[in-house]
Protein backbone atom coordinates (compact mmCIF):
# COMPACT_ATOMS: atom_id res chain seq x y z
CA UNK A 1 -81.84 -9.72 58.16
CA UNK A 2 -85.16 -11.11 56.92
CA UNK A 3 -85.18 -14.61 55.42
CA UNK A 4 -87.84 -13.29 53.04
CA UNK A 5 -85.52 -10.68 51.54
CA UNK A 6 -82.07 -9.35 52.38
CA UNK A 7 -82.34 -5.54 52.02
CA UNK A 8 -79.69 -3.98 49.80
CA UNK A 9 -77.86 -0.72 50.59
CA UNK A 10 -79.88 -0.57 53.79
CA UNK A 11 -77.90 2.01 55.77
CA UNK A 12 -76.96 4.10 52.74
CA UNK A 13 -80.53 4.42 51.48
CA UNK A 14 -82.14 5.19 54.84
CA UNK A 15 -79.36 7.61 55.80
CA UNK A 16 -80.13 9.54 52.61
CA UNK A 17 -83.88 9.31 53.04
CA UNK A 18 -84.73 10.26 56.61
CA UNK A 19 -84.11 13.92 57.41
CA UNK A 20 -86.93 14.50 59.93
CA UNK A 21 -87.60 12.09 62.78
CA UNK A 22 -91.23 13.23 62.98
CA UNK A 23 -91.77 13.07 59.21
CA UNK A 24 -94.11 11.01 57.04
CA UNK A 25 -92.28 8.49 54.84
CA UNK A 26 -93.15 5.86 52.23
CA UNK A 27 -91.48 2.54 51.49
CA UNK A 28 -92.87 1.85 48.03
CA UNK A 29 -91.58 -1.74 47.89
CA UNK A 30 -92.11 -3.32 51.31
CA UNK A 31 -91.10 -6.94 50.58
CA UNK A 32 -89.60 -8.45 53.71
CA UNK A 33 -89.80 -5.14 55.54
CA UNK A 34 -86.06 -4.64 56.04
CA UNK A 35 -85.98 -1.06 54.80
CA UNK A 36 -89.26 -0.27 56.56
CA UNK A 37 -87.96 -1.47 59.92
CA UNK A 38 -84.82 0.62 59.52
CA UNK A 39 -86.88 3.70 58.64
CA UNK A 40 -89.11 3.18 61.69
CA UNK A 41 -86.03 2.88 63.89
CA UNK A 42 -85.09 6.41 62.86
CA UNK A 43 -88.52 7.94 63.55
CA UNK A 44 -89.86 9.48 66.73
CA UNK A 45 -93.30 8.56 68.13
CA UNK A 46 -94.71 11.37 65.96
CA UNK A 47 -93.26 9.94 62.75
CA UNK A 48 -95.19 7.77 60.32
CA UNK A 49 -94.40 5.20 57.62
CA UNK A 50 -96.70 4.02 54.81
CA UNK A 51 -95.47 0.99 52.86
CA UNK A 52 -96.71 -0.64 49.67
CA UNK A 53 -96.48 -4.09 48.10
CA UNK A 54 -98.55 -5.81 45.42
CA UNK A 55 -97.43 -9.32 46.40
CA UNK A 56 -99.82 -10.96 48.85
CA UNK A 57 -96.96 -12.96 50.36
CA UNK A 58 -95.38 -9.72 51.61
CA UNK A 59 -98.44 -8.91 53.72
CA UNK A 60 -97.37 -11.61 56.17
CA UNK A 61 -94.35 -9.46 57.06
CA UNK A 62 -96.46 -6.53 58.33
CA UNK A 63 -94.89 -4.66 61.24
CA UNK A 64 -96.80 -4.30 64.52
CA UNK A 65 -96.26 -0.60 65.08
CA UNK A 66 -98.92 2.10 65.40
CA UNK A 67 -96.80 4.38 63.22
CA UNK A 68 -96.91 1.87 60.36
CA UNK A 69 -99.45 1.26 57.57
CA UNK A 70 -99.09 -1.45 54.90
CA UNK A 71 -101.06 -1.04 51.68
CA UNK A 72 -101.62 -3.97 49.31
CA UNK A 73 -101.29 -2.21 45.97
CA UNK A 74 -98.90 -1.35 43.16
CA UNK A 75 -96.54 1.54 43.92
CA UNK A 76 -97.63 3.21 40.68
CA UNK A 77 -100.63 4.53 42.66
CA UNK A 78 -98.51 6.25 45.31
CA UNK A 79 -99.92 9.71 44.64
CA UNK A 80 -103.48 8.47 45.25
CA UNK A 81 -102.43 7.36 48.72
CA UNK A 82 -100.43 10.53 49.35
CA UNK A 83 -103.73 12.36 48.96
CA UNK A 84 -105.71 9.85 51.03
CA UNK A 85 -103.22 9.09 53.80
CA UNK A 86 -101.25 12.33 54.35
CA UNK A 87 -102.06 15.98 54.94
CA UNK A 88 -99.56 17.45 52.48
CA UNK A 89 -97.40 14.64 51.12
CA UNK A 90 -94.30 12.67 52.08
CA UNK A 91 -91.00 13.81 53.55
CA UNK A 92 -89.29 10.93 51.79
CA UNK A 93 -90.03 8.01 49.48
CA UNK A 94 -87.88 4.88 49.09
CA UNK A 95 -88.17 2.27 46.33
CA UNK A 96 -86.05 -0.90 46.11
CA UNK A 97 -86.89 -2.12 42.61
CA UNK A 98 -86.79 -5.61 41.14
CA UNK A 99 -87.70 -8.99 42.54
CA UNK A 100 -87.41 -10.02 46.18
CA UNK A 101 -85.28 -12.97 47.25
CA UNK A 102 -88.50 -14.67 48.35
CA UNK A 103 -89.98 -14.42 44.86
CA UNK A 104 -86.81 -15.77 43.25
CA UNK A 105 -86.51 -18.59 45.78
CA UNK A 106 -90.14 -19.75 45.76
CA UNK A 107 -90.16 -22.50 43.13
CA UNK A 108 -93.84 -22.29 42.26
CA UNK A 109 -93.69 -18.63 41.25
CA UNK A 110 -91.69 -19.31 38.08
CA UNK A 111 -89.29 -16.38 38.48
CA UNK A 112 -86.15 -18.51 38.26
CA UNK A 113 -84.89 -21.09 35.80
CA UNK A 114 -83.29 -22.86 38.78
CA UNK A 115 -86.61 -24.52 39.56
CA UNK A 116 -88.99 -26.65 37.54
CA UNK A 117 -92.37 -24.96 37.88
CA UNK A 118 -95.29 -23.36 36.08
CA UNK A 119 -94.20 -20.41 33.94
CA UNK A 120 -95.97 -17.75 36.02
CA UNK A 121 -93.84 -14.75 37.14
CA UNK A 122 -96.74 -12.62 38.43
CA UNK A 123 -95.79 -10.40 41.37
CA UNK A 124 -99.49 -10.01 42.09
CA UNK A 125 -101.00 -13.48 41.73
CA UNK A 126 -104.38 -11.86 41.02
CA UNK A 127 -102.96 -10.50 37.77
CA UNK A 128 -104.48 -11.92 34.60
CA UNK A 129 -101.36 -12.48 32.45
CA UNK A 130 -98.63 -15.04 33.14
CA UNK A 131 -95.31 -15.62 31.39
CA UNK A 132 -96.85 -18.73 29.81
CA UNK A 133 -99.58 -16.54 28.29
CA UNK A 134 -96.93 -14.30 26.76
CA UNK A 135 -94.69 -16.99 25.24
CA UNK A 136 -97.72 -18.79 23.79
CA UNK A 137 -99.67 -15.81 22.42
CA UNK A 138 -97.31 -12.97 21.49
CA UNK A 139 -96.22 -12.71 17.87
CA UNK A 140 -92.60 -13.46 17.01
CA UNK A 141 -91.97 -9.74 16.52
CA UNK A 142 -93.49 -8.88 19.91
CA UNK A 143 -91.39 -11.52 21.63
CA UNK A 144 -88.25 -10.28 19.88
CA UNK A 145 -88.95 -6.71 21.00
CA UNK A 146 -89.42 -7.51 24.68
CA UNK A 147 -86.38 -9.80 24.71
CA UNK A 148 -84.21 -7.13 23.10
CA UNK A 149 -85.54 -4.12 25.02
CA UNK A 150 -86.26 -5.57 28.48
CA UNK A 151 -83.62 -8.30 28.57
CA UNK A 152 -80.99 -6.86 26.24
CA UNK A 153 -80.76 -10.36 24.73
CA UNK A 154 -78.17 -10.29 21.94
CA UNK A 155 -79.82 -12.80 19.60
CA UNK A 156 -83.41 -11.91 20.49
CA UNK A 157 -84.68 -12.77 17.01
CA UNK A 158 -83.36 -16.34 17.18
CA UNK A 159 -84.79 -16.86 20.67
CA UNK A 160 -88.19 -15.58 19.52
CA UNK A 161 -88.07 -17.91 16.50
CA UNK A 162 -87.24 -20.90 18.72
CA UNK A 163 -90.12 -20.10 21.07
CA UNK A 164 -92.57 -19.86 18.18
CA UNK A 165 -91.31 -23.11 16.66
CA UNK A 166 -91.59 -24.96 19.96
CA UNK A 167 -95.09 -23.71 20.80
CA UNK A 168 -96.32 -24.79 17.35
CA UNK A 169 -95.70 -28.36 18.50
CA UNK A 170 -96.87 -28.03 22.12
CA UNK A 171 -97.74 -25.21 24.51
CA UNK A 172 -94.85 -23.85 26.60
CA UNK A 173 -96.24 -24.09 30.13
CA UNK A 174 -93.29 -24.62 32.46
CA UNK A 175 -89.80 -23.29 33.06
CA UNK A 176 -88.45 -26.57 31.73
CA UNK A 177 -90.50 -26.16 28.56
CA UNK A 178 -89.05 -22.70 27.99
CA UNK A 179 -85.47 -23.73 28.76
CA UNK A 180 -85.71 -26.65 26.33
CA UNK A 181 -87.34 -24.48 23.66
CA UNK A 182 -84.46 -21.99 23.56
CA UNK A 183 -81.60 -24.39 24.36
CA UNK A 184 -80.17 -24.05 20.85
CA UNK A 185 -79.63 -20.31 21.39
CA UNK A 186 -77.69 -20.65 24.64
CA UNK A 187 -73.98 -19.78 24.43
CA UNK A 188 -71.44 -22.49 25.20
CA UNK A 189 -70.40 -20.62 28.34
CA UNK A 190 -72.35 -18.52 30.90
CA UNK A 191 -75.63 -20.00 29.76
CA UNK A 192 -77.20 -19.11 33.11
CA UNK A 193 -76.56 -15.41 32.46
CA UNK A 194 -78.27 -15.71 29.10
CA UNK A 195 -81.28 -17.41 30.66
CA UNK A 196 -81.40 -14.73 33.36
CA UNK A 197 -81.81 -12.08 30.65
CA UNK A 198 -84.64 -14.02 28.99
CA UNK A 199 -86.45 -14.49 32.30
CA UNK A 200 -85.92 -10.84 33.20
CA UNK A 201 -87.52 -9.71 29.94
CA UNK A 202 -90.57 -11.92 30.44
CA UNK A 203 -90.94 -10.89 34.10
CA UNK A 204 -90.84 -7.20 33.21
CA UNK A 205 -93.53 -7.70 30.56
CA UNK A 206 -95.74 -9.83 32.82
CA UNK A 207 -95.69 -7.23 35.59
CA UNK A 208 -95.58 -4.14 33.35
CA UNK A 209 -92.61 -3.01 35.43
CA UNK A 210 -91.40 -0.19 33.19
CA UNK A 211 -94.88 1.34 32.90
CA UNK A 212 -95.35 1.04 36.65
CA UNK A 213 -91.96 2.61 37.30
CA UNK A 214 -92.72 5.59 35.06
CA UNK A 215 -96.06 6.16 36.79
CA UNK A 216 -94.41 5.72 40.20
CA UNK A 217 -91.71 8.29 39.47
CA UNK A 218 -94.28 10.81 38.24
CA UNK A 219 -96.48 10.16 41.27
CA UNK A 220 -93.58 10.27 43.70
CA UNK A 221 -92.45 13.68 42.44
CA UNK A 222 -96.00 14.98 42.92
CA UNK A 223 -96.27 13.35 46.36
CA UNK A 224 -93.11 14.75 47.95
CA UNK A 225 -93.14 17.89 50.05
CA UNK A 226 -90.66 20.60 49.01
CA UNK A 227 -87.34 19.40 50.38
CA UNK A 228 -88.58 15.82 50.52
CA UNK A 229 -86.27 13.10 49.25
CA UNK A 230 -86.62 10.28 46.74
CA UNK A 231 -84.26 7.30 47.05
CA UNK A 232 -84.41 4.57 44.40
CA UNK A 233 -82.37 1.35 44.22
CA UNK A 234 -82.15 -0.18 40.74
CA UNK A 235 -80.73 -3.49 39.50
CA UNK A 236 -80.47 -3.29 35.71
CA UNK A 237 -79.57 -0.64 33.16
CA UNK A 238 -83.06 -0.10 31.78
CA UNK A 239 -84.67 0.91 35.07
CA UNK A 240 -81.56 2.81 36.21
CA UNK A 241 -81.63 4.84 33.00
CA UNK A 242 -85.28 5.71 33.60
CA UNK A 243 -84.59 6.85 37.16
CA UNK A 244 -81.53 8.85 36.10
CA UNK A 245 -83.45 10.55 33.29
CA UNK A 246 -86.41 11.36 35.53
CA UNK A 247 -84.23 12.97 38.17
CA UNK A 248 -82.45 15.01 35.49
CA UNK A 249 -85.41 16.02 33.35
CA UNK A 250 -88.67 15.17 35.12
CA UNK A 251 -89.48 12.51 32.51
CA UNK A 252 -88.09 9.09 31.60
CA UNK A 253 -86.93 10.19 28.14
CA UNK A 254 -84.36 12.56 29.68
CA UNK A 255 -85.46 15.51 27.52
CA UNK A 256 -85.40 18.70 29.59
CA UNK A 257 -88.41 20.90 28.85
CA UNK A 258 -88.11 24.65 29.31
CA UNK A 259 -90.60 27.51 29.49
CA UNK A 260 -90.53 30.56 27.21
CA UNK A 261 -87.91 32.14 29.45
CA UNK A 262 -85.58 29.14 29.11
CA UNK A 263 -86.20 27.90 32.64
CA UNK A 264 -86.21 24.13 33.17
CA UNK A 265 -89.33 22.65 34.76
CA UNK A 266 -87.68 19.71 36.52
CA UNK A 267 -89.27 18.84 39.88
CA UNK A 268 -86.20 17.13 41.40
CA UNK A 269 -82.52 17.82 41.97
CA UNK A 270 -80.03 14.97 42.24
CA UNK A 271 -78.05 14.71 45.46
CA UNK A 272 -75.44 12.17 44.39
CA UNK A 273 -73.64 12.85 41.10
CA UNK A 274 -72.76 9.18 40.80
CA UNK A 275 -74.96 6.35 42.08
CA UNK A 276 -74.07 4.74 45.39
CA UNK A 277 -73.11 1.07 45.00
CA UNK A 278 -72.66 -1.68 47.61
CA UNK A 279 -69.34 -2.28 49.31
CA UNK A 280 -67.55 -5.57 48.62
CA UNK A 281 -68.45 -6.99 52.03
CA UNK A 282 -72.15 -6.52 51.30
CA UNK A 283 -71.79 -8.16 47.88
CA UNK A 284 -69.93 -11.12 49.38
CA UNK A 285 -72.79 -11.67 51.81
CA UNK A 286 -75.54 -11.07 49.24
CA UNK A 287 -74.58 -11.65 45.61
CA UNK A 288 -77.89 -10.15 44.43
CA UNK A 289 -76.58 -6.77 45.57
CA UNK A 290 -73.85 -6.85 42.92
CA UNK A 291 -75.73 -4.80 40.32
CA UNK A 292 -77.51 -2.45 42.73
CA UNK A 293 -77.32 1.34 42.31
CA UNK A 294 -78.80 3.95 44.63
CA UNK A 295 -79.85 7.34 43.27
CA UNK A 296 -81.14 10.10 45.56
CA UNK A 297 -82.94 13.33 44.69
CA UNK A 298 -84.66 16.16 46.54
CA UNK A 299 -87.94 17.88 45.64
CA UNK A 300 -87.26 21.44 44.53
């Protein structure tokens, strides 16, 4: 396994994805390249894999294989590259959502409250907005909304109030500054879980993850060949709900639209009624796999 990132549901996701050894596939979230290497191992010399990652650090994991192409860009633009890089689309697209182990474990990136560092959280370091920008410039109402919606923080209003009170005295620039600012809101037990929700909410806002996911899902459905497969691994309820709704209805709201004859216009059909989750042995070896869910669909 890669030290950069330990791929979750590796066999299950690639088993579901690859149906043609000479097909054209996409790994929308390259990271440490674990899923990409497994996909390539299933392909014949005629097969091809195009992978994407917006984090410059991931580019150092590029695979030396003539069948492989690594694109430094956000996966929300997948359809653009389907047009540019393929003749008629992909036979399968895989996305392993969330943050890589490398991003969590690199202290200077600010993704984890375990480290004292600048409050950054950008997946693409060329991005203009950091977590520090958000906590110091968003209104109390805006902060409350992202904490409640993206982090499902129970007392989001109190946390937002504490942030605004603290920044009125001094800018919140580091993870320590943020942790100290909201200390009064932490529960007496499982405080680390509470902080994880706060950091998740800020990270999602910094990287516009939900907007990118919606655009990716729409682009992926357009980019698949008929019979092509979409496999998505999610890690929290918000993104899993979006993926589930899109597979069911062709949109993230989950509302099924029908034509005048009552026929649904959904582009995908789910292949697994319930999401695939990791076995206990995988979770014991990689605790970050605990919340993972794999959903698979086929292009109608």
